[in-house]
Amino acid sequence: MIADRIARLPLYESLIPGAGEIAQAFEAQNPEGAACEVREKRYAPKPPEQRRFEVHFRTIDLMIAKAGAEVIHLIPWKELTPAEPLPKGADGRKLNGPPQGSAVILEAGYFCAIFPGEAHMVGGPAGNAPDGIEKWVVKAPAPEPFCIEDDP
């Protein structure tokens, strides 16, 4: 996992393919300029029982906060119980377990890059953002050395 200011995103080009283009697209608020899938998300904090972990095997989840904040829990995926694959053949699977591991606060002006094998649970309440978060979730292809295999 990498957490840093959005302005520094291009420095991570060797780890996050297209990081410079993604940063420019975000600055221009032009998701089509990112050269990979961008999902624009906005949601309020969720109670623990409504949050779930997920893991990806060949994709970096690059979360870029536009407004607000959230707590993201991170833990090695092997420490959780495997559950169903992600819908529609998406890369990854859900995992069962309560909020645990490291807690990272993603807030406006920052990004968080979550790599294959790093289980993550989004949507935790951040004290400074009672209304939740507005962000981009960019699905960047992971460089081959970072990719892992699913073994449910």
C-alpha atoms as a PDB file:
ATOM      1  CA  MET A   1       0.000   0.000   0.000  1.00  0.00           C
ATOM      2  CA  ILE A   2       1.119   3.484  -0.794  1.00  0.00           C
ATOM      3  CA  ALA A   3      -0.526   6.580   0.679  1.00  0.00           C
ATOM      4  CA  ASP A   4       0.664  10.012  -0.387  1.00  0.00           C
ATOM      5  CA  ARG A   5      -0.469  13.402  -1.697  1.00  0.00           C
ATOM      6  CA  ILE A   6      -2.116  13.474  -5.113  1.00  0.00           C
ATOM      7  CA  ALA A   7       0.521  15.923  -6.376  1.00  0.00           C
ATOM      8  CA  ARG A   8       3.171  13.206  -5.865  1.00  0.00           C
ATOM      9  CA  LEU A   9       1.280  10.466  -7.757  1.00  0.00           C
ATOM     10  CA  PRO A  10       3.427  10.789 -10.945  1.00  0.00           C
ATOM     11  CA  LEU A  11       6.520   9.848  -8.903  1.00  0.00           C
ATOM     12  CA  TYR A  12       5.130   6.305  -8.602  1.00  0.00           C
ATOM     13  CA  GLU A  13       4.980   5.605 -12.365  1.00  0.00           C
ATOM     14  CA  SER A  14       7.317   2.585 -12.074  1.00  0.00           C
ATOM     15  CA  LEU A  15       4.950   0.934  -9.577  1.00  0.00           C
ATOM     16  CA  ILE A  16       1.592   2.221 -10.848  1.00  0.00           C
ATOM     17  CA  PRO A  17       1.416   2.099 -14.665  1.00  0.00           C
ATOM     18  CA  GLY A  18      -0.028   5.330 -16.050  1.00  0.00           C
ATOM     19  CA  ALA A  19       0.289   7.214 -12.744  1.00  0.00           C
ATOM     20  CA  GLY A  20       1.225  10.465 -14.511  1.00  0.00           C
ATOM     21  CA  GLU A  21      -1.714  10.296 -16.921  1.00  0.00           C
ATOM     22  CA  ILE A  22      -4.061   9.383 -14.076  1.00  0.00           C
ATOM     23  CA  ALA A  23      -2.860  12.393 -12.040  1.00  0.00           C
ATOM     24  CA  GLN A  24      -3.400  14.711 -15.034  1.00  0.00           C
ATOM     25  CA  ALA A  25      -6.857  13.255 -15.675  1.00  0.00           C
ATOM     26  CA  PHE A  26      -7.782  13.725 -12.015  1.00  0.00           C
ATOM     27  CA  GLU A  27      -6.553  17.315 -12.003  1.00  0.00           C
ATOM     28  CA  ALA A  28      -8.680  18.017 -15.112  1.00  0.00           C
ATOM     29  CA  GLN A  29     -11.595  15.994 -13.654  1.00  0.00           C
ATOM     30  CA  ASN A  30     -11.598  13.994 -16.899  1.00  0.00           C
ATOM     31  CA  PRO A  31     -11.959  10.254 -16.105  1.00  0.00           C
ATOM     32  CA  GLU A  32     -11.621   9.361 -19.806  1.00  0.00           C
ATOM     33  CA  GLY A  33      -8.071  10.734 -19.768  1.00  0.00           C
ATOM     34  CA  ALA A  34      -6.913   8.146 -17.240  1.00  0.00           C
ATOM     35  CA  ALA A  35      -6.288   5.375 -19.842  1.00  0.00           C
ATOM     36  CA  CYS A  36      -7.809   2.781 -17.487  1.00  0.00           C
ATOM     37  CA  GLU A  37     -11.141   2.219 -15.764  1.00  0.00           C
ATOM     38  CA  VAL A  38     -12.242   4.992 -13.389  1.00  0.00           C
ATOM     39  CA  ARG A  39     -15.215   4.639 -11.056  1.00  0.00           C
ATOM     40  CA  GLU A  40     -16.492   7.802  -9.435  1.00  0.00           C
ATOM     41  CA  LYS A  41     -17.764   6.991  -5.933  1.00  0.00           C
ATOM     42  CA  ARG A  42     -19.549   8.915  -3.225  1.00  0.00           C
ATOM     43  CA  TYR A  43     -20.852   7.316  -0.042  1.00  0.00           C
ATOM     44  CA  ALA A  44     -21.455   7.868   3.646  1.00  0.00           C
ATOM     45  CA  PRO A  45     -19.642   5.869   6.326  1.00  0.00           C
ATOM     46  CA  LYS A  46     -21.023   2.376   6.897  1.00  0.00           C
ATOM     47  CA  PRO A  47     -21.360   0.419  10.139  1.00  0.00           C
ATOM     48  CA  PRO A  48     -18.878  -2.468  10.532  1.00  0.00           C
ATOM     49  CA  GLU A  49     -21.470  -5.142   9.756  1.00  0.00           C
ATOM     50  CA  GLN A  50     -22.124  -3.569   6.328  1.00  0.00           C
ATOM     51  CA  ARG A  51     -18.453  -3.421   5.320  1.00  0.00           C
ATOM     52  CA  ARG A  52     -16.534  -6.278   3.690  1.00  0.00           C
ATOM     53  CA  PHE A  53     -12.975  -6.959   2.734  1.00  0.00           C
ATOM     54  CA  GLU A  54     -11.973  -7.623  -0.845  1.00  0.00           C
ATOM     55  CA  VAL A  55      -8.724  -8.503  -2.560  1.00  0.00           C
ATOM     56  CA  HIS A  56      -7.491  -8.223  -6.137  1.00  0.00           C
ATOM     57  CA  PHE A  57      -4.995 -10.488  -7.886  1.00  0.00           C
ATOM     58  CA  ARG A  58      -3.924  -8.506 -10.971  1.00  0.00           C
ATOM     59  CA  THR A  59      -5.249  -5.009 -10.301  1.00  0.00           C
ATOM     60  CA  ILE A  60      -4.123  -2.026  -8.246  1.00  0.00           C
ATOM     61  CA  ASP A  61      -7.011  -0.179  -6.610  1.00  0.00           C
ATOM     62  CA  LEU A  62      -5.896   3.438  -6.798  1.00  0.00           C
ATOM     63  CA  MET A  63      -8.256   5.519  -4.646  1.00  0.00           C
ATOM     64  CA  ILE A  64      -8.001   9.285  -5.089  1.00  0.00           C
ATOM     65  CA  ALA A  65     -10.016  11.413  -2.644  1.00  0.00           C
ATOM     66  CA  LYS A  66     -11.827  14.469  -4.020  1.00  0.00           C
ATOM     67  CA  ALA A  67     -13.694  15.474  -0.852  1.00  0.00           C
ATOM     68  CA  GLY A  68     -14.303  14.146   2.638  1.00  0.00           C
ATOM     69  CA  ALA A  69     -12.527  11.165   4.155  1.00  0.00           C
ATOM     70  CA  GLU A  70     -12.890   7.509   5.097  1.00  0.00           C
ATOM     71  CA  VAL A  71     -11.044   4.850   7.064  1.00  0.00           C
ATOM     72  CA  ILE A  72      -9.715   1.939   5.010  1.00  0.00           C
ATOM     73  CA  HIS A  73      -8.697  -1.225   6.853  1.00  0.00           C
ATOM     74  CA  LEU A  74      -5.838  -3.240   5.330  1.00  0.00           C
ATOM     75  CA  ILE A  75      -4.639  -6.746   6.153  1.00  0.00           C
ATOM     76  CA  PRO A  76      -2.882  -9.555   4.264  1.00  0.00           C
ATOM     77  CA  TRP A  77      -5.604 -11.479   2.462  1.00  0.00           C
ATOM     78  CA  LYS A  78      -4.458 -14.877   3.769  1.00  0.00           C
ATOM     79  CA  GLU A  79      -5.465 -13.790   7.282  1.00  0.00           C
ATOM     80  CA  LEU A  80      -9.146 -13.689   6.272  1.00  0.00           C
ATOM     81  CA  THR A  81     -11.707 -16.300   5.213  1.00  0.00           C
ATOM     82  CA  PRO A  82     -12.220 -16.457   1.418  1.00  0.00           C
ATOM     83  CA  ALA A  83     -15.753 -15.789   0.197  1.00  0.00           C
ATOM     84  CA  GLU A  84     -17.391 -15.311  -3.211  1.00  0.00           C
ATOM     85  CA  PRO A  85     -15.633 -14.026  -6.321  1.00  0.00           C
ATOM     86  CA  LEU A  86     -16.333 -10.420  -7.281  1.00  0.00           C
ATOM     87  CA  PRO A  87     -19.393  -9.993  -9.530  1.00  0.00           C
ATOM     88  CA  LYS A  88     -19.301 -10.061 -13.334  1.00  0.00           C
ATOM     89  CA  GLY A  89     -15.904 -11.748 -13.485  1.00  0.00           C
ATOM     90  CA  ALA A  90     -14.080  -8.776 -11.940  1.00  0.00           C
ATOM     91  CA  ASP A  91     -10.539  -9.378 -10.681  1.00  0.00           C
ATOM     92  CA  GLY A  92     -10.675 -10.497  -7.062  1.00  0.00           C
ATOM     93  CA  ARG A  93     -12.908 -11.855  -4.375  1.00  0.00           C
ATOM     94  CA  LYS A  94     -14.713 -10.888  -1.202  1.00  0.00           C
ATOM     95  CA  LEU A  95     -13.291 -11.989   2.134  1.00  0.00           C
ATOM     96  CA  ASN A  96     -14.984 -12.460   5.492  1.00  0.00           C
ATOM     97  CA  GLY A  97     -13.792 -10.865   8.697  1.00  0.00           C
ATOM     98  CA  PRO A  98     -14.498  -7.861  10.908  1.00  0.00           C
ATOM     99  CA  PRO A  99     -12.605  -4.565  10.555  1.00  0.00           C
ATOM    100  CA  GLN A 100      -9.019  -5.357  11.541  1.00  0.00           C
ATOM    101  CA  GLY A 101      -5.420  -4.811  10.541  1.00  0.00           C
ATOM    102  CA  SER A 102      -4.014  -1.374   9.793  1.00  0.00           C
ATOM    103  CA  ALA A 103      -6.383   1.578   9.553  1.00  0.00           C
ATOM    104  CA  VAL A 104      -5.498   4.221   6.970  1.00  0.00           C
ATOM    105  CA  ILE A 105      -7.371   7.504   6.605  1.00  0.00           C
ATOM    106  CA  LEU A 106      -7.926   8.550   2.996  1.00  0.00           C
ATOM    107  CA  GLU A 107      -8.809  12.240   2.814  1.00  0.00           C
ATOM    108  CA  ALA A 108      -9.177  14.958   0.217  1.00  0.00           C
ATOM    109  CA  GLY A 109      -5.865  15.765  -1.438  1.00  0.00           C
ATOM    110  CA  TYR A 110      -4.447  12.260  -0.971  1.00  0.00           C
ATOM    111  CA  PHE A 111      -4.402   8.919  -2.755  1.00  0.00           C
ATOM    112  CA  CYS A 112      -4.040   5.343  -1.590  1.00  0.00           C
ATOM    113  CA  ALA A 113      -2.757   2.579  -3.901  1.00  0.00           C
ATOM    114  CA  ILE A 114      -3.717  -0.925  -2.802  1.00  0.00           C
ATOM    115  CA  PHE A 115      -1.776  -3.724  -4.493  1.00  0.00           C
ATOM    116  CA  PRO A 116      -2.682  -7.355  -5.248  1.00  0.00           C
ATOM    117  CA  GLY A 117      -2.888  -9.447  -2.085  1.00  0.00           C
ATOM    118  CA  GLU A 118      -3.685  -6.491   0.170  1.00  0.00           C
ATOM    119  CA  ALA A 119      -7.178  -7.060   1.502  1.00  0.00           C
ATOM    120  CA  HIS A 120      -9.008  -3.790   1.994  1.00  0.00           C
ATOM    121  CA  MET A 121     -12.267  -2.719   3.610  1.00  0.00           C
ATOM    122  CA  VAL A 122     -13.450   0.776   2.712  1.00  0.00           C
ATOM    123  CA  GLY A 123     -16.158   3.003   4.152  1.00  0.00           C
ATOM    124  CA  GLY A 124     -15.088   3.356   7.756  1.00  0.00           C
ATOM    125  CA  PRO A 125     -16.095   6.556   9.532  1.00  0.00           C
ATOM    126  CA  ALA A 126     -13.436   9.248   9.739  1.00  0.00           C
ATOM    127  CA  GLY A 127     -14.061  11.762  12.515  1.00  0.00           C
ATOM    128  CA  ASN A 128     -13.303  14.757  10.324  1.00  0.00           C
ATOM    129  CA  ALA A 129     -15.752  13.690   7.583  1.00  0.00           C
ATOM    130  CA  PRO A 130     -19.133  12.679   9.010  1.00  0.00           C
ATOM    131  CA  ASP A 131     -20.695  12.765   5.525  1.00  0.00           C
ATOM    132  CA  GLY A 132     -18.197  10.276   4.056  1.00  0.00           C
ATOM    133  CA  ILE A 133     -16.098  10.532   0.935  1.00  0.00           C
ATOM    134  CA  GLU A 134     -16.164  11.432  -2.734  1.00  0.00           C
ATOM    135  CA  LYS A 135     -13.377   9.742  -4.704  1.00  0.00           C
ATOM    136  CA  TRP A 136     -12.137   8.102  -7.851  1.00  0.00           C
ATOM    137  CA  VAL A 137     -11.383   4.384  -7.766  1.00  0.00           C
ATOM    138  CA  VAL A 138      -8.981   3.693 -10.616  1.00  0.00           C
ATOM    139  CA  LYS A 139      -8.475   0.073 -11.669  1.00  0.00           C
ATOM    140  CA  ALA A 140      -4.834   0.127 -12.797  1.00  0.00           C
ATOM    141  CA  PRO A 141      -3.164  -3.016 -14.138  1.00  0.00           C
ATOM    142  CA  ALA A 142      -0.554  -4.320 -11.715  1.00  0.00           C
ATOM    143  CA  PRO A 143       2.963  -4.938 -13.044  1.00  0.00           C
ATOM    144  CA  GLU A 144       3.554  -8.707 -13.350  1.00  0.00           C
ATOM    145  CA  PRO A 145       5.840  -9.022 -10.290  1.00  0.00           C
ATOM    146  CA  PHE A 146       2.966  -7.784  -8.087  1.00  0.00           C
ATOM    147  CA  CYS A 147       0.339 -10.193  -9.462  1.00  0.00           C
ATOM    148  CA  ILE A 148      -0.747 -13.153  -7.349  1.00  0.00           C
ATOM    149  CA  GLU A 149      -2.873 -16.244  -7.837  1.00  0.00           C
ATOM    150  CA  ASP A 150      -6.190 -16.936  -6.140  1.00  0.00           C
ATOM    151  CA  ASP A 151      -6.270 -20.138  -4.130  1.00  0.00           C
ATOM    152  CA  PRO A 152      -9.645 -20.300  -2.384  1.00  0.00           C
END
